[in-house]
Amino acid sequence: LMDTYLMGANLSGANLQDVNLTYANLRGSNLRGANLQGANLQRTDLMGANMRGTKLTDAKLAGSDLWGVDLQKSDLVDANLRGANLIGANLRDANLQEVNLTDTNLRGANLSYATWNGFRIDGLPSQQVTLTRFNSLQQNSHKRKTEKTQSYQEQEH
């Protein structure tokens, strides 16, 4: 499916695991809940696509245009977004563990409540990005340990 024209296509819930969509045009497509695990989406035009709840674990999205894409509650663990355009993208509640965001444009992106751990952002310029209440697994782990310690100390007294 390399270099395929699928603009506005309805692919919601589709199983596209390990598919090669390099240079494809998926602008404005509905990929809500689709399985794109391990897919090659490098240099793909996904501008304005609905990708809410999409599984993108191990996906290759380097150099792709994801301007205004809705990735809310999507799973992007180990995804490669190096050099991708995520201007205005909605990544609220997304799982971004070990994601590569090197040289990625996140201007105006919403990363509220996203889960982060071990992500890479080398070369990321200072930008306006919404990072309200993002979840760090290390931060949550420390919080749970603190709560357990406090609970234990209260029991001692």
Protein backbone atom coordinates (compact mmCIF):
# COMPACT_ATOMS: atom_id res chain seq x y z
CA LEU A 1 0.00 0.00 0.00
CA MET A 2 3.04 2.21 -0.33
CA ASP A 3 2.30 5.62 -1.92
CA THR A 4 -1.46 4.90 -1.88
CA TYR A 5 -4.18 7.59 -2.06
CA LEU A 6 -6.66 6.96 0.76
CA MET A 7 -7.71 10.52 1.53
CA GLY A 8 -10.89 10.56 3.65
CA ALA A 9 -11.07 6.75 3.81
CA ASN A 10 -13.01 5.06 6.61
CA LEU A 11 -10.57 2.57 8.13
CA SER A 12 -11.95 2.67 11.69
CA GLY A 13 -11.20 -0.53 13.59
CA ALA A 14 -9.17 -1.95 10.68
CA ASN A 15 -6.33 -4.40 11.33
CA LEU A 16 -3.38 -2.80 9.56
CA GLN A 17 -0.66 -4.40 11.64
CA ASP A 18 2.78 -4.26 9.98
CA VAL A 19 1.35 -2.66 6.81
CA ASN A 20 3.63 -0.44 4.69
CA LEU A 21 1.89 2.92 4.10
CA THR A 22 5.04 4.93 3.40
CA TYR A 23 4.24 8.12 1.42
CA ALA A 24 0.49 7.30 1.52
CA ASN A 25 -2.12 10.08 1.59
CA LEU A 26 -4.49 9.43 4.50
CA ARG A 27 -5.43 13.06 5.01
CA GLY A 28 -8.74 13.37 6.87
CA SER A 29 -9.16 9.59 7.13
CA ASN A 30 -10.99 7.84 9.95
CA LEU A 31 -8.57 5.41 11.62
CA ARG A 32 -10.31 5.46 14.99
CA GLY A 33 -9.46 2.30 16.97
CA ALA A 34 -7.39 0.83 14.12
CA ASN A 35 -4.49 -1.54 14.79
CA LEU A 36 -1.36 -0.05 13.20
CA GLN A 37 1.09 -1.90 15.42
CA GLY A 38 4.49 -2.10 13.69
CA ALA A 39 3.15 -0.25 10.62
CA ASN A 40 5.47 1.79 8.43
CA LEU A 41 3.88 5.24 8.07
CA GLN A 42 7.03 7.18 7.30
CA ARG A 43 6.46 10.37 5.28
CA THR A 44 2.70 9.69 5.31
CA ASP A 45 0.16 12.53 5.13
CA LEU A 46 -2.24 12.02 8.04
CA MET A 47 -3.24 15.66 8.39
CA GLY A 48 -6.56 16.01 10.23
CA ALA A 49 -7.08 12.25 10.56
CA ASN A 50 -9.13 10.76 13.39
CA MET A 51 -6.76 8.30 15.07
CA ARG A 52 -8.39 8.31 18.51
CA GLY A 53 -7.69 5.07 20.38
CA THR A 54 -5.39 3.78 17.63
CA LYS A 55 -2.74 1.17 18.46
CA LEU A 56 0.58 2.48 17.10
CA THR A 57 3.01 0.42 19.17
CA ASP A 58 6.37 0.15 17.36
CA ALA A 59 4.99 2.17 14.42
CA LYS A 60 7.36 4.16 12.21
CA LEU A 61 6.00 7.68 11.70
CA ALA A 62 9.27 9.52 11.02
CA GLY A 63 8.78 12.58 8.85
CA SER A 64 4.99 12.18 8.71
CA ASP A 65 2.50 15.04 8.70
CA LEU A 66 0.19 14.63 11.69
CA TRP A 67 -0.98 18.24 11.80
CA GLY A 68 -4.22 18.46 13.81
CA VAL A 69 -4.51 14.68 14.19
CA ASP A 70 -6.64 13.34 17.04
CA LEU A 71 -4.51 10.72 18.84
CA GLN A 72 -6.38 10.89 22.13
CA LYS A 73 -6.05 7.66 24.15
CA SER A 74 -3.79 6.13 21.48
CA ASP A 75 -0.97 3.70 22.28
CA LEU A 76 2.33 4.96 20.84
CA VAL A 77 4.74 2.84 22.91
CA ASP A 78 8.13 2.63 21.15
CA ALA A 79 6.81 4.59 18.14
CA ASN A 80 9.31 6.58 16.06
CA LEU A 81 8.01 10.11 15.41
CA ARG A 82 11.41 11.59 14.57
CA GLY A 83 10.96 14.76 12.52
CA ALA A 84 7.18 14.40 12.40
CA ASN A 85 4.82 17.39 12.30
CA LEU A 86 2.41 17.25 15.26
CA ILE A 87 1.31 20.89 15.22
CA GLY A 88 -2.04 21.15 17.01
CA ALA A 89 -2.28 17.38 17.50
CA ASN A 90 -4.42 16.00 20.33
CA LEU A 91 -2.34 13.51 22.36
CA ARG A 92 -4.47 13.77 25.50
CA ASP A 93 -4.32 10.54 27.55
CA ALA A 94 -1.95 8.98 24.97
CA ASN A 95 0.63 6.37 26.01
CA LEU A 96 4.00 7.81 24.94
CA GLN A 97 6.37 5.42 26.70
CA GLU A 98 9.75 5.16 24.96
CA VAL A 99 8.49 7.25 22.00
CA ASN A 100 11.08 9.04 19.85
CA LEU A 101 10.15 12.73 19.49
CA THR A 102 13.55 13.90 18.24
CA ASP A 103 13.20 16.98 15.99
CA THR A 104 9.40 16.70 16.17
CA ASN A 105 7.25 19.84 15.87
CA LEU A 106 4.81 19.83 18.80
CA ARG A 107 3.71 23.47 18.62
CA GLY A 108 0.18 23.77 20.01
CA ALA A 109 -0.08 20.02 20.68
CA ASN A 110 -2.16 18.88 23.65
CA LEU A 111 -0.23 16.37 25.77
CA SER A 112 -2.47 16.66 28.84
CA TYR A 113 -2.68 13.50 30.94
CA ALA A 114 -0.33 11.66 28.54
CA THR A 115 1.82 8.89 30.03
CA TRP A 116 5.58 9.42 29.59
CA ASN A 117 8.54 7.24 30.45
CA GLY A 118 11.88 7.18 28.65
CA PHE A 119 10.82 9.32 25.70
CA ARG A 120 13.50 10.95 23.53
CA ILE A 121 13.22 14.60 22.52
CA ASP A 122 16.72 15.57 21.33
CA GLY A 123 16.66 18.66 19.14
CA LEU A 124 13.17 19.68 20.26
CA PRO A 125 13.02 23.49 20.25
CA SER A 126 11.24 25.40 23.00
CA GLN A 127 7.61 25.46 21.88
CA GLN A 128 4.13 26.13 23.20
CA VAL A 129 2.95 22.67 24.21
CA THR A 130 0.19 21.82 26.67
CA LEU A 131 1.73 19.51 29.27
CA THR A 132 -0.89 19.88 31.98
CA ARG A 133 -1.03 16.93 34.35
CA PHE A 134 1.02 14.54 32.24
CA ASN A 135 1.76 11.21 33.88
CA SER A 136 5.28 10.00 34.38
CA LEU A 137 5.44 6.36 35.36
CA GLN A 138 8.41 7.19 37.56
CA GLN A 139 6.45 10.06 39.12
CA ASN A 140 3.45 7.81 39.78
CA SER A 141 5.69 5.09 41.21
CA HIS A 142 7.27 7.63 43.59
CA LYS A 143 3.81 8.91 44.56
CA ARG A 144 2.60 5.38 45.39
CA LYS A 145 5.74 4.72 47.47
CA THR A 146 5.18 8.00 49.34
CA GLU A 147 1.53 7.14 49.98
CA LYS A 148 2.50 3.67 51.27
CA THR A 149 5.18 5.18 53.52
CA GLN A 150 2.72 7.72 54.91
CA SER A 151 0.12 5.01 55.48
CA TYR A 152 2.71 2.80 57.24
CA GLN A 153 3.84 5.68 59.45
CA GLU A 154 0.24 6.45 60.43
CA GLN A 155 -0.29 2.81 61.46
CA GLU A 156 2.77 2.96 63.73
CA HIS A 157 1.33 5.87 65.74
